[in-house]
């Protein structure tokens, strides 16, 4: 009996947690969240067709649609970025920052950063 109750409670918590996040996406202008940030240095065209540049990030379009503008508030790459790319591993609350220098991109690693949504794209 205890196992059934524990299983039910765990399932209820998972469903509740999943549902509570569902209404938050895509994010709205003014939202401030913590995301996992990584960096990439592959030059070329982004998923949106633009050339890679130092003010571009990749994000999950379900969370931050193409054209969205965000400000990274903390960490070594503070500044304003535009979402113009996606990536296979970029799902949910993750971003990938374009850094022109591959050594710096690798040194960036994986870290939690806080960002504020300035504008939501189309």
PDB file of N, CA and C in Angstrom:
ATOM      1  N   UNK A   1       0.824  -1.200   0.000  1.00  0.00           N
ATOM      2  CA  UNK A   1       0.000   0.000   0.000  1.00  0.00           C
ATOM      3  C   UNK A   1       0.867   1.261   0.000  1.00  0.00           C
ATOM      4  N   UNK A   2       1.930   1.271   0.798  1.00  0.00           N
ATOM      5  CA  UNK A   2       2.800   2.445   0.840  1.00  0.00           C
ATOM      6  C   UNK A   2       3.460   2.707  -0.510  1.00  0.00           C
ATOM      7  N   UNK A   3       3.853   1.639  -1.185  1.00  0.00           N
ATOM      8  CA  UNK A   3       4.498   1.781  -2.485  1.00  0.00           C
ATOM      9  C   UNK A   3       3.541   2.438  -3.481  1.00  0.00           C
ATOM     10  N   UNK A   4       2.285   2.033  -3.473  1.00  0.00           N
ATOM     11  CA  UNK A   4       1.303   2.634  -4.381  1.00  0.00           C
ATOM     12  C   UNK A   4       1.113   4.111  -4.084  1.00  0.00           C
ATOM     13  N   UNK A   5       1.033   4.462  -2.821  1.00  0.00           N
ATOM     14  CA  UNK A   5       0.842   5.869  -2.438  1.00  0.00           C
ATOM     15  C   UNK A   5       2.065   6.681  -2.861  1.00  0.00           C
ATOM     16  N   UNK A   6       3.245   6.155  -2.608  1.00  0.00           N
ATOM     17  CA  UNK A   6       4.476   6.866  -2.977  1.00  0.00           C
ATOM     18  C   UNK A   6       4.565   7.039  -4.489  1.00  0.00           C
ATOM     19  N   UNK A   7       4.226   6.001  -5.234  1.00  0.00           N
ATOM     20  CA  UNK A   7       4.259   6.080  -6.689  1.00  0.00           C
ATOM     21  C   UNK A   7       3.263   7.115  -7.191  1.00  0.00           C
ATOM     22  N   UNK A   8       2.057   7.107  -6.628  1.00  0.00           N
ATOM     23  CA  UNK A   8       1.040   8.074  -7.016  1.00  0.00           C
ATOM     24  C   UNK A   8       1.488   9.488  -6.685  1.00  0.00           C
ATOM     25  N   UNK A   9       2.044   9.692  -5.499  1.00  0.00           N
ATOM     26  CA  UNK A   9       2.496  11.023  -5.090  1.00  0.00           C
ATOM     27  C   UNK A   9       3.617  11.519  -6.006  1.00  0.00           C
ATOM     28  N   UNK A  10       4.549  10.637  -6.333  1.00  0.00           N
ATOM     29  CA  UNK A  10       5.638  11.015  -7.236  1.00  0.00           C
ATOM     30  C   UNK A  10       5.089  11.385  -8.605  1.00  0.00           C
ATOM     31  N   UNK A  11       4.180  10.595  -9.138  1.00  0.00           N
ATOM     32  CA  UNK A  11       3.585  10.878 -10.440  1.00  0.00           C
ATOM     33  C   UNK A  11       2.818  12.202 -10.404  1.00  0.00           C
ATOM     34  N   UNK A  12       2.106  12.460  -9.337  1.00  0.00           N
ATOM     35  CA  UNK A  12       1.350  13.700  -9.200  1.00  0.00           C
ATOM     36  C   UNK A  12       2.286  14.906  -9.176  1.00  0.00           C
ATOM     37  N   UNK A  13       3.392  14.795  -8.464  1.00  0.00           N
ATOM     38  CA  UNK A  13       4.361  15.884  -8.406  1.00  0.00           C
ATOM     39  C   UNK A  13       4.962  16.120  -9.783  1.00  0.00           C
ATOM     40  N   UNK A  14       5.332  15.064 -10.492  1.00  0.00           N
ATOM     41  CA  UNK A  14       5.907  15.211 -11.821  1.00  0.00           C
ATOM     42  C   UNK A  14       4.917  15.858 -12.779  1.00  0.00           C
ATOM     43  N   UNK A  15       3.666  15.428 -12.738  1.00  0.00           N
ATOM     44  CA  UNK A  15       2.658  16.009 -13.614  1.00  0.00           C
ATOM     45  C   UNK A  15       2.409  17.468 -13.270  1.00  0.00           C
ATOM     46  N   UNK A  16       2.333  17.774 -11.989  1.00  0.00           N
ATOM     47  CA  UNK A  16       2.101  19.143 -11.557  1.00  0.00           C
ATOM     48  C   UNK A  16       3.255  20.039 -11.978  1.00  0.00           C
ATOM     49  N   UNK A  17       4.490  19.565 -11.766  1.00  0.00           N
ATOM     50  CA  UNK A  17       5.657  20.346 -12.145  1.00  0.00           C
ATOM     51  C   UNK A  17       5.666  20.577 -13.645  1.00  0.00           C
ATOM     52  N   UNK A  18       5.402  19.558 -14.432  1.00  0.00           N
ATOM     53  CA  UNK A  18       5.382  19.702 -15.885  1.00  0.00           C
ATOM     54  C   UNK A  18       4.322  20.685 -16.325  1.00  0.00           C
ATOM     55  N   UNK A  19       3.126  20.596 -15.757  1.00  0.00           N
ATOM     56  CA  UNK A  19       2.051  21.494 -16.135  1.00  0.00           C
ATOM     57  C   UNK A  19       2.345  22.931 -15.737  1.00  0.00           C
ATOM     58  N   UNK A  20       3.009  23.136 -14.593  1.00  0.00           N
ATOM     59  CA  UNK A  20       3.262  24.497 -14.145  1.00  0.00           C
ATOM     60  C   UNK A  20       4.239  25.209 -15.065  1.00  0.00           C
ATOM     61  N   UNK A  21       5.159  24.473 -15.694  1.00  0.00           N
ATOM     62  CA  UNK A  21       6.100  25.084 -16.626  1.00  0.00           C
ATOM     63  C   UNK A  21       5.459  25.326 -17.989  1.00  0.00           C
ATOM     64  N   UNK A  22       4.469  24.544 -18.355  1.00  0.00           N
ATOM     65  CA  UNK A  22       3.899  24.619 -19.699  1.00  0.00           C
ATOM     66  C   UNK A  22       3.348  26.006 -20.022  1.00  0.00           C
ATOM     67  N   UNK A  23       2.738  26.666 -19.061  1.00  0.00           N
ATOM     68  CA  UNK A  23       2.140  27.968 -19.343  1.00  0.00           C
ATOM     69  C   UNK A  23       3.174  29.092 -19.417  1.00  0.00           C
ATOM     70  N   UNK A  24       4.427  28.800 -19.101  1.00  0.00           N
ATOM     71  CA  UNK A  24       5.458  29.839 -19.092  1.00  0.00           C
ATOM     72  C   UNK A  24       6.178  29.983 -20.431  1.00  0.00           C
ATOM     73  N   UNK A  25       5.903  29.105 -21.381  1.00  0.00           N
ATOM     74  CA  UNK A  25       6.621  29.147 -22.653  1.00  0.00           C
ATOM     75  C   UNK A  25       5.686  29.471 -23.782  1.00  0.00           C
ATOM     76  N   UNK A  26       6.056  30.241 -24.783  1.00  0.00           N
ATOM     77  CA  UNK A  26       7.324  30.958 -24.806  1.00  0.00           C
ATOM     78  C   UNK A  26       7.348  32.035 -23.735  1.00  0.00           C
ATOM     79  N   UNK A  27       8.536  32.440 -23.367  1.00  0.00           N
ATOM     80  CA  UNK A  27       8.692  33.468 -22.343  1.00  0.00           C
ATOM     81  C   UNK A  27       8.122  34.792 -22.834  1.00  0.00           C
ATOM     82  N   UNK A  28       7.888  35.692 -21.912  1.00  0.00           N
ATOM     83  CA  UNK A  28       7.347  37.014 -22.249  1.00  0.00           C
ATOM     84  C   UNK A  28       8.409  38.082 -22.030  1.00  0.00           C
ATOM     85  N   UNK A  29       8.254  39.206 -22.700  1.00  0.00           N
ATOM     86  CA  UNK A  29       9.157  40.340 -22.482  1.00  0.00           C
ATOM     87  C   UNK A  29       9.086  40.727 -21.004  1.00  0.00           C
ATOM     88  N   UNK A  30      10.232  40.963 -20.407  1.00  0.00           N
ATOM     89  CA  UNK A  30      10.310  41.300 -18.990  1.00  0.00           C
ATOM     90  C   UNK A  30      10.614  40.108 -18.101  1.00  0.00           C
ATOM     91  N   UNK A  31      10.454  38.883 -18.627  1.00  0.00           N
ATOM     92  CA  UNK A  31      10.764  37.682 -17.842  1.00  0.00           C
ATOM     93  C   UNK A  31      12.246  37.647 -17.526  1.00  0.00           C
ATOM     94  N   UNK A  32      12.560  37.220 -16.328  1.00  0.00           N
ATOM     95  CA  UNK A  32      13.948  37.040 -15.923  1.00  0.00           C
ATOM     96  C   UNK A  32      14.095  35.606 -15.439  1.00  0.00           C
ATOM     97  N   UNK A  33      15.022  34.857 -16.043  1.00  0.00           N
ATOM     98  CA  UNK A  33      15.176  33.442 -15.719  1.00  0.00           C
ATOM     99  C   UNK A  33      16.646  33.063 -15.660  1.00  0.00           C
ATOM    100  N   UNK A  34      16.901  31.911 -15.081  1.00  0.00           N
ATOM    101  CA  UNK A  34      18.239  31.317 -15.090  1.00  0.00           C
ATOM    102  C   UNK A  34      18.234  30.219 -16.141  1.00  0.00           C
ATOM    103  N   UNK A  35      19.294  30.181 -16.933  1.00  0.00           N
ATOM    104  CA  UNK A  35      19.430  29.177 -17.980  1.00  0.00           C
ATOM    105  C   UNK A  35      20.832  28.572 -17.911  1.00  0.00           C
ATOM    106  N   UNK A  36      20.979  27.431 -18.538  1.00  0.00           N
ATOM    107  CA  UNK A  36      22.301  26.823 -18.707  1.00  0.00           C
ATOM    108  C   UNK A  36      22.876  27.376 -20.006  1.00  0.00           C
ATOM    109  N   UNK A  37      24.050  27.978 -19.927  1.00  0.00           N
ATOM    110  CA  UNK A  37      24.684  28.563 -21.111  1.00  0.00           C
ATOM    111  C   UNK A  37      25.931  27.773 -21.482  1.00  0.00           C
ATOM    112  N   UNK A  38      26.081  27.545 -22.777  1.00  0.00           N
ATOM    113  CA  UNK A  38      27.291  26.984 -23.347  1.00  0.00           C
ATOM    114  C   UNK A  38      27.709  27.937 -24.468  1.00  0.00           C
ATOM    115  N   UNK A  39      28.829  27.638 -25.129  1.00  0.00           N
ATOM    116  CA  UNK A  39      29.295  28.505 -26.206  1.00  0.00           C
ATOM    117  C   UNK A  39      29.689  27.665 -27.410  1.00  0.00           C
ATOM    118  N   UNK A  40      29.578  28.262 -28.586  1.00  0.00           N
ATOM    119  CA  UNK A  40      30.000  27.596 -29.818  1.00  0.00           C
ATOM    120  C   UNK A  40      30.777  28.580 -30.678  1.00  0.00           C
ATOM    121  N   UNK A  41      31.578  28.052 -31.597  1.00  0.00           N
ATOM    122  CA  UNK A  41      32.422  28.927 -32.421  1.00  0.00           C
ATOM    123  C   UNK A  41      32.324  28.605 -33.908  1.00  0.00           C
ATOM    124  N   UNK A  42      31.426  27.729 -34.294  1.00  0.00           N
ATOM    125  CA  UNK A  42      31.295  27.365 -35.708  1.00  0.00           C
ATOM    126  C   UNK A  42      30.791  28.561 -36.504  1.00  0.00           C
ATOM    127  N   UNK A  43      31.601  28.994 -37.460  1.00  0.00           N
ATOM    128  CA  UNK A  43      31.208  30.127 -38.294  1.00  0.00           C
ATOM    129  C   UNK A  43      30.352  29.618 -39.445  1.00  0.00           C
ATOM    130  N   UNK A  44      29.528  30.494 -39.952  1.00  0.00           N
ATOM    131  CA  UNK A  44      28.665  30.125 -41.062  1.00  0.00           C
ATOM    132  C   UNK A  44      27.314  30.783 -40.918  1.00  0.00           C
ATOM    133  N   UNK A  45      26.307  30.117 -41.427  1.00  0.00           N
ATOM    134  CA  UNK A  45      24.941  30.635 -41.344  1.00  0.00           C
ATOM    135  C   UNK A  45      24.203  29.990 -40.177  1.00  0.00           C
ATOM    136  N   UNK A  46      23.408  30.797 -39.521  1.00  0.00           N
ATOM    137  CA  UNK A  46      22.585  30.291 -38.433  1.00  0.00           C
ATOM    138  C   UNK A  46      21.324  29.668 -39.018  1.00  0.00           C
ATOM    139  N   UNK A  47      20.530  29.075 -38.187  1.00  0.00           N
ATOM    140  CA  UNK A  47      19.262  28.469 -38.616  1.00  0.00           C
ATOM    141  C   UNK A  47      18.337  29.512 -39.252  1.00  0.00           C
ATOM    142  N   UNK A  48      18.471  30.773 -38.842  1.00  0.00           N
ATOM    143  CA  UNK A  48      17.620  31.834 -39.387  1.00  0.00           C
ATOM    144  C   UNK A  48      18.125  32.362 -40.728  1.00  0.00           C
ATOM    145  N   UNK A  49      19.326  31.921 -41.143  1.00  0.00           N
ATOM    146  CA  UNK A  49      19.885  32.385 -42.405  1.00  0.00           C
ATOM    147  C   UNK A  49      20.911  33.491 -42.244  1.00  0.00           C
ATOM    148  N   UNK A  50      21.034  34.069 -41.057  1.00  0.00           N
ATOM    149  CA  UNK A  50      22.012  35.124 -40.783  1.00  0.00           C
ATOM    150  C   UNK A  50      23.404  34.513 -40.615  1.00  0.00           C
ATOM    151  N   UNK A  51      24.440  35.301 -40.851  1.00  0.00           N
ATOM    152  CA  UNK A  51      25.809  34.855 -40.565  1.00  0.00           C
ATOM    153  C   UNK A  51      26.039  34.934 -39.062  1.00  0.00           C
ATOM    154  N   UNK A  52      26.847  34.025 -38.536  1.00  0.00           N
ATOM    155  CA  UNK A  52      27.161  34.054 -37.116  1.00  0.00           C
ATOM    156  C   UNK A  52      27.865  35.364 -36.768  1.00  0.00           C
ATOM    157  N   UNK A  53      27.605  35.873 -35.580  1.00  0.00           N
ATOM    158  CA  UNK A  53      28.199  37.115 -35.101  1.00  0.00           C
ATOM    159  C   UNK A  53      28.228  37.079 -33.580  1.00  0.00           C
ATOM    160  N   UNK A  54      28.996  37.985 -32.995  1.00  0.00           N
ATOM    161  CA  UNK A  54      29.206  37.955 -31.542  1.00  0.00           C
ATOM    162  C   UNK A  54      27.978  38.319 -30.719  1.00  0.00           C
ATOM    163  N   UNK A  55      26.910  38.782 -31.345  1.00  0.00           N
ATOM    164  CA  UNK A  55      25.705  39.125 -30.576  1.00  0.00           C
ATOM    165  C   UNK A  55      24.566  38.135 -30.808  1.00  0.00           C
ATOM    166  N   UNK A  56      24.917  36.902 -31.192  1.00  0.00           N
ATOM    167  CA  UNK A  56      23.916  35.875 -31.512  1.00  0.00           C
ATOM    168  C   UNK A  56      23.954  34.753 -30.481  1.00  0.00           C
ATOM    169  N   UNK A  57      22.770  34.263 -30.130  1.00  0.00           N
ATOM    170  CA  UNK A  57      22.677  33.046 -29.317  1.00  0.00           C
ATOM    171  C   UNK A  57      21.728  32.065 -30.002  1.00  0.00           C
ATOM    172  N   UNK A  58      21.913  30.812 -29.645  1.00  0.00           N
ATOM    173  CA  UNK A  58      20.984  29.762 -30.057  1.00  0.00           C
ATOM    174  C   UNK A  58      20.098  29.442 -28.866  1.00  0.00           C
ATOM    175  N   UNK A  59      18.829  29.197 -29.126  1.00  0.00           N
ATOM    176  CA  UNK A  59      17.881  28.866 -28.065  1.00  0.00           C
ATOM    177  C   UNK A  59      16.806  27.951 -28.630  1.00  0.00           C
ATOM    178  N   UNK A  60      16.066  27.323 -27.742  1.00  0.00           N
ATOM    179  CA  UNK A  60      14.922  26.508 -28.128  1.00  0.00           C
ATOM    180  C   UNK A  60      13.817  27.455 -28.595  1.00  0.00           C
ATOM    181  N   UNK A  61      13.370  27.362 -29.863  1.00  0.00           N
ATOM    182  CA  UNK A  61      12.343  28.284 -30.352  1.00  0.00           C
ATOM    183  C   UNK A  61      11.005  28.170 -29.620  1.00  0.00           C
ATOM    184  N   UNK A  62      10.787  27.060 -28.900  1.00  0.00           N
ATOM    185  CA  UNK A  62       9.568  26.931 -28.096  1.00  0.00           C
ATOM    186  C   UNK A  62       9.650  27.818 -26.853  1.00  0.00           C
ATOM    187  N   UNK A  63      10.860  28.148 -26.433  1.00  0.00           N
ATOM    188  CA  UNK A  63      11.082  28.977 -25.240  1.00  0.00           C
ATOM    189  C   UNK A  63      11.360  30.419 -25.635  1.00  0.00           C
ATOM    190  N   UNK A  64      12.285  30.616 -26.567  1.00  0.00           N
ATOM    191  CA  UNK A  64      12.649  31.938 -27.075  1.00  0.00           C
ATOM    192  C   UNK A  64      12.615  31.884 -28.606  1.00  0.00           C
ATOM    193  N   UNK A  65      11.552  32.371 -29.219  1.00  0.00           N
ATOM    194  CA  UNK A  65      11.426  32.311 -30.681  1.00  0.00           C
ATOM    195  C   UNK A  65      12.519  33.127 -31.387  1.00  0.00           C
ATOM    196  N   UNK A  66      12.771  32.792 -32.674  1.00  0.00           N
ATOM    197  CA  UNK A  66      13.728  33.541 -33.488  1.00  0.00           C
ATOM    198  C   UNK A  66      13.424  35.036 -33.416  1.00  0.00           C
ATOM    199  N   UNK A  67      14.477  35.818 -33.343  1.00  0.00           N
ATOM    200  CA  UNK A  67      14.315  37.270 -33.309  1.00  0.00           C
ATOM    201  C   UNK A  67      14.156  37.832 -31.913  1.00  0.00           C
ATOM    202  N   UNK A  68      14.017  36.987 -30.911  1.00  0.00           N
ATOM    203  CA  UNK A  68      13.896  37.480 -29.536  1.00  0.00           C
ATOM    204  C   UNK A  68      15.211  38.132 -29.116  1.00  0.00           C
ATOM    205  N   UNK A  69      15.116  39.172 -28.306  1.00  0.00           N
ATOM    206  CA  UNK A  69      16.289  39.864 -27.798  1.00  0.00           C
ATOM    207  C   UNK A  69      16.342  39.675 -26.297  1.00  0.00           C
ATOM    208  N   UNK A  70      17.522  39.304 -25.800  1.00  0.00           N
ATOM    209  CA  UNK A  70      17.694  39.064 -24.364  1.00  0.00           C
ATOM    210  C   UNK A  70      18.936  39.795 -23.866  1.00  0.00           C
ATOM    211  N   UNK A  71      18.976  40.047 -22.572  1.00  0.00           N
ATOM    212  CA  UNK A  71      20.161  40.595 -21.936  1.00  0.00           C
ATOM    213  C   UNK A  71      20.678  39.560 -20.952  1.00  0.00           C
ATOM    214  N   UNK A  72      21.929  39.142 -21.122  1.00  0.00           N
ATOM    215  CA  UNK A  72      22.554  38.269 -20.131  1.00  0.00           C
ATOM    216  C   UNK A  72      23.040  39.187 -19.024  1.00  0.00           C
ATOM    217  N   UNK A  73      22.531  38.947 -17.827  1.00  0.00           N
ATOM    218  CA  UNK A  73      22.744  39.854 -16.710  1.00  0.00           C
ATOM    219  C   UNK A  73      24.027  39.556 -15.944  1.00  0.00           C
ATOM    220  N   UNK A  74      24.402  38.293 -15.855  1.00  0.00           N
ATOM    221  CA  UNK A  74      25.603  37.957 -15.090  1.00  0.00           C
ATOM    222  C   UNK A  74      26.494  37.008 -15.871  1.00  0.00           C
ATOM    223  N   UNK A  75      27.674  36.769 -15.357  1.00  0.00           N
ATOM    224  CA  UNK A  75      28.621  35.897 -16.033  1.00  0.00           C
ATOM    225  C   UNK A  75      29.575  36.691 -16.905  1.00  0.00           C
ATOM    226  N   UNK A  76      30.529  36.018 -17.514  1.00  0.00           N
ATOM    227  CA  UNK A  76      31.561  36.710 -18.289  1.00  0.00           C
ATOM    228  C   UNK A  76      31.092  37.234 -19.644  1.00  0.00           C
ATOM    229  N   UNK A  77      29.944  36.828 -20.125  1.00  0.00           N
ATOM    230  CA  UNK A  77      29.457  37.255 -21.446  1.00  0.00           C
ATOM    231  C   UNK A  77      28.222  38.136 -21.314  1.00  0.00           C
ATOM    232  N   UNK A  78      28.209  39.049 -20.337  1.00  0.00           N
ATOM    233  CA  UNK A  78      27.082  39.969 -20.167  1.00  0.00           C
ATOM    234  C   UNK A  78      26.861  40.764 -21.451  1.00  0.00           C
ATOM    235  N   UNK A  79      25.600  41.098 -21.698  1.00  0.00           N
ATOM    236  CA  UNK A  79      25.304  41.924 -22.863  1.00  0.00           C
ATOM    237  C   UNK A  79      23.983  41.567 -23.500  1.00  0.00           C
ATOM    238  N   UNK A  80      23.703  42.199 -24.616  1.00  0.00           N
ATOM    239  CA  UNK A  80      22.446  42.008 -25.339  1.00  0.00           C
ATOM    240  C   UNK A  80      22.705  41.082 -26.524  1.00  0.00           C
ATOM    241  N   UNK A  81      21.833  40.080 -26.676  1.00  0.00           N
ATOM    242  CA  UNK A  81      21.955  39.075 -27.726  1.00  0.00           C
ATOM    243  C   UNK A  81      20.615  38.878 -28.410  1.00  0.00           C
ATOM    244  N   UNK A  82      20.681  38.418 -29.660  1.00  0.00           N
ATOM    245  CA  UNK A  82      19.474  38.099 -30.423  1.00  0.00           C
ATOM    246  C   UNK A  82      19.471  36.609 -30.715  1.00  0.00           C
ATOM    247  N   UNK A  83      18.309  35.989 -30.552  1.00  0.00           N
ATOM    248  CA  UNK A  83      18.154  34.557 -30.843  1.00  0.00           C
ATOM    249  C   UNK A  83      17.991  34.399 -32.348  1.00  0.00           C
ATOM    250  N   UNK A  84      19.031  33.846 -32.989  1.00  0.00           N
ATOM    251  CA  UNK A  84      18.990  33.643 -34.439  1.00  0.00           C
ATOM    252  C   UNK A  84      19.430  32.239 -34.820  1.00  0.00           C
ATOM    253  N   UNK A  85      19.540  31.351 -33.830  1.00  0.00           N
ATOM    254  CA  UNK A  85      20.020  30.005 -34.107  1.00  0.00           C
ATOM    255  C   UNK A  85      19.347  29.015 -33.159  1.00  0.00           C
ATOM    256  N   UNK A  86      19.414  27.743 -33.538  1.00  0.00           N
ATOM    257  CA  UNK A  86      18.957  26.646 -32.692  1.00  0.00           C
ATOM    258  C   UNK A  86      20.074  25.617 -32.670  1.00  0.00           C
ATOM    259  N   UNK A  87      19.890  24.570 -31.938  1.00  0.00           N
ATOM    260  CA  UNK A  87      20.877  23.496 -31.911  1.00  0.00           C
ATOM    261  C   UNK A  87      20.205  22.230 -31.431  1.00  0.00           C
ATOM    262  N   UNK A  88      20.735  21.094 -31.819  1.00  0.00           N
ATOM    263  CA  UNK A  88      20.136  19.821 -31.438  1.00  0.00           C
ATOM    264  C   UNK A  88      20.055  19.615 -29.939  1.00  0.00           C
ATOM    265  N   UNK A  89      21.042  20.126 -29.209  1.00  0.00           N
ATOM    266  CA  UNK A  89      21.075  19.946 -27.753  1.00  0.00           C
ATOM    267  C   UNK A  89      20.468  21.129 -27.007  1.00  0.00           C
ATOM    268  N   UNK A  90      19.992  22.117 -27.731  1.00  0.00           N
ATOM    269  CA  UNK A  90      19.447  23.319 -27.097  1.00  0.00           C
ATOM    270  C   UNK A  90      17.938  23.149 -26.957  1.00  0.00           C
ATOM    271  N   UNK A  91      17.533  22.547 -25.869  1.00  0.00           N
ATOM    272  CA  UNK A  91      16.111  22.316 -25.581  1.00  0.00           C
ATOM    273  C   UNK A  91      15.802  22.840 -24.190  1.00  0.00           C
ATOM    274  N   UNK A  92      14.672  23.478 -24.049  1.00  0.00           N
ATOM    275  CA  UNK A  92      14.268  23.986 -22.744  1.00  0.00           C
ATOM    276  C   UNK A  92      15.057  25.223 -22.361  1.00  0.00           C
ATOM    277  N   UNK A  93      15.444  25.298 -21.107  1.00  0.00           N
ATOM    278  CA  UNK A  93      16.108  26.485 -20.569  1.00  0.00           C
ATOM    279  C   UNK A  93      17.616  26.423 -20.770  1.00  0.00           C
ATOM    280  N   UNK A  94      18.023  26.366 -22.037  1.00  0.00           N
ATOM    281  CA  UNK A  94      19.437  26.348 -22.405  1.00  0.00           C
ATOM    282  C   UNK A  94      19.657  27.357 -23.519  1.00  0.00           C
ATOM    283  N   UNK A  95      20.839  27.956 -23.521  1.00  0.00           N
ATOM    284  CA  UNK A  95      21.243  28.823 -24.626  1.00  0.00           C
ATOM    285  C   UNK A  95      22.662  28.453 -25.031  1.00  0.00           C
ATOM    286  N   UNK A  96      23.019  28.792 -26.242  1.00  0.00           N
ATOM    287  CA  UNK A  96      24.358  28.569 -26.760  1.00  0.00           C
ATOM    288  C   UNK A  96      24.813  29.904 -27.339  1.00  0.00           C
ATOM    289  N   UNK A  97      25.883  30.461 -26.783  1.00  0.00           N
ATOM    290  CA  UNK A  97      26.372  31.788 -27.163  1.00  0.00           C
ATOM    291  C   UNK A  97      27.448  31.644 -28.233  1.00  0.00           C
ATOM    292  N   UNK A  98      27.321  32.404 -29.321  1.00  0.00           N
ATOM    293  CA  UNK A  98      28.372  32.377 -30.334  1.00  0.00           C
ATOM    294  C   UNK A  98      29.550  33.210 -29.853  1.00  0.00           C
ATOM    295  N   UNK A  99      30.753  32.590 -29.835  1.00  0.00           N
ATOM    296  CA  UNK A  99      31.997  33.271 -29.509  1.00  0.00           C
ATOM    297  C   UNK A  99      32.941  33.009 -30.675  1.00  0.00           C
ATOM    298  N   UNK A 100      33.474  34.050 -31.248  1.00  0.00           N
ATOM    299  CA  UNK A 100      34.292  33.967 -32.447  1.00  0.00           C
ATOM    300  C   UNK A 100      35.566  33.135 -32.259  1.00  0.00           C
ATOM    301  N   UNK A 101      36.131  33.148 -31.075  1.00  0.00           N
ATOM    302  CA  UNK A 101      37.379  32.438 -30.782  1.00  0.00           C
ATOM    303  C   UNK A 101      37.068  31.068 -30.169  1.00  0.00           C
ATOM    304  N   UNK A 102      37.475  29.997 -30.840  1.00  0.00           N
ATOM    305  CA  UNK A 102      37.145  28.642 -30.374  1.00  0.00           C
ATOM    306  C   UNK A 102      37.768  28.310 -29.023  1.00  0.00           C
ATOM    307  N   UNK A 103      38.970  28.814 -28.736  1.00  0.00           N
ATOM    308  CA  UNK A 103      39.587  28.575 -27.422  1.00  0.00           C
ATOM    309  C   UNK A 103      38.756  29.217 -26.315  1.00  0.00           C
ATOM    310  N   UNK A 104      38.259  30.422 -26.556  1.00  0.00           N
ATOM    311  CA  UNK A 104      37.415  31.096 -25.555  1.00  0.00           C
ATOM    312  C   UNK A 104      36.063  30.400 -25.418  1.00  0.00           C
ATOM    313  N   UNK A 105      35.539  29.926 -26.532  1.00  0.00           N
ATOM    314  CA  UNK A 105      34.264  29.201 -26.482  1.00  0.00           C
ATOM    315  C   UNK A 105      34.407  27.936 -25.648  1.00  0.00           C
ATOM    316  N   UNK A 106      35.498  27.208 -25.849  1.00  0.00           N
ATOM    317  CA  UNK A 106      35.738  25.996 -25.070  1.00  0.00           C
ATOM    318  C   UNK A 106      35.974  26.319 -23.599  1.00  0.00           C
ATOM    319  N   UNK A 107      36.721  27.384 -23.333  1.00  0.00           N
ATOM    320  CA  UNK A 107      37.000  27.785 -21.948  1.00  0.00           C
ATOM    321  C   UNK A 107      35.726  28.243 -21.225  1.00  0.00           C
ATOM    322  N   UNK A 108      34.748  28.745 -21.977  1.00  0.00           N
ATOM    323  CA  UNK A 108      33.489  29.194 -21.374  1.00  0.00           C
ATOM    324  C   UNK A 108      32.818  28.037 -20.634  1.00  0.00           C
ATOM    325  N   UNK A 109      32.875  26.859 -21.227  1.00  0.00           N
ATOM    326  CA  UNK A 109      32.296  25.675 -20.587  1.00  0.00           C
ATOM    327  C   UNK A 109      30.792  25.718 -20.527  1.00  0.00           C
ATOM    328  N   UNK A 110      30.287  25.284 -19.401  1.00  0.00           N
ATOM    329  CA  UNK A 110      28.841  25.211 -19.165  1.00  0.00           C
ATOM    330  C   UNK A 110      28.580  25.888 -17.830  1.00  0.00           C
ATOM    331  N   UNK A 111      27.729  26.876 -17.816  1.00  0.00           N
ATOM    332  CA  UNK A 111      27.463  27.614 -16.576  1.00  0.00           C
ATOM    333  C   UNK A 111      26.036  28.136 -16.552  1.00  0.00           C
ATOM    334  N   UNK A 112      25.575  28.399 -15.352  1.00  0.00           N
ATOM    335  CA  UNK A 112      24.243  28.986 -15.178  1.00  0.00           C
ATOM    336  C   UNK A 112      24.376  30.498 -15.269  1.00  0.00           C
ATOM    337  N   UNK A 113      23.505  31.105 -16.060  1.00  0.00           N
ATOM    338  CA  UNK A 113      23.482  32.563 -16.160  1.00  0.00           C
ATOM    339  C   UNK A 113      22.042  33.040 -16.036  1.00  0.00           C
ATOM    340  N   UNK A 114      21.913  34.279 -15.664  1.00  0.00           N
ATOM    341  CA  UNK A 114      20.596  34.896 -15.552  1.00  0.00           C
ATOM    342  C   UNK A 114      20.392  35.776 -16.772  1.00  0.00           C
ATOM    343  N   UNK A 115      19.204  35.692 -17.361  1.00  0.00           N
ATOM    344  CA  UNK A 115      18.916  36.569 -18.493  1.00  0.00           C
ATOM    345  C   UNK A 115      17.545  37.179 -18.354  1.00  0.00           C
ATOM    346  N   UNK A 116      17.392  38.326 -18.987  1.00  0.00           N
ATOM    347  CA  UNK A 116      16.113  39.043 -19.022  1.00  0.00           C
ATOM    348  C   UNK A 116      15.680  39.135 -20.477  1.00  0.00           C
ATOM    349  N   UNK A 117      14.428  38.798 -20.729  1.00  0.00           N
ATOM    350  CA  UNK A 117      13.877  38.879 -22.086  1.00  0.00           C
ATOM    351  C   UNK A 117      13.497  40.340 -22.336  1.00  0.00           C
ATOM    352  N   UNK A 118      14.104  40.929 -23.357  1.00  0.00           N
ATOM    353  CA  UNK A 118      13.807  42.322 -23.704  1.00  0.00           C
ATOM    354  C   UNK A 118      12.679  42.413 -24.724  1.00  0.00           C
ATOM    355  N   UNK A 119      12.692  41.476 -25.689  1.00  0.00           N
ATOM    356  CA  UNK A 119      11.668  41.486 -26.742  1.00  0.00           C
ATOM    357  C   UNK A 119      11.497  40.061 -27.251  1.00  0.00           C
ATOM    358  N   UNK A 120      10.260  39.694 -27.531  1.00  0.00           N
ATOM    359  CA  UNK A 120       9.966  38.382 -28.100  1.00  0.00           C
ATOM    360  C   UNK A 120       9.855  38.513 -29.614  1.00  0.00           C
ATOM    361  N   UNK A 121      10.569  37.618 -30.312  1.00  0.00           N
ATOM    362  CA  UNK A 121      10.539  37.633 -31.776  1.00  0.00           C
ATOM    363  C   UNK A 121       9.320  36.922 -32.320  1.00  0.00           C
ATOM    364  N   UNK A 122       9.291  36.796 -33.636  1.00  0.00           N
ATOM    365  CA  UNK A 122       8.129  36.172 -34.282  1.00  0.00           C
ATOM    366  C   UNK A 122       8.239  34.677 -34.297  1.00  0.00           C
TER     367      UNK A 122
END
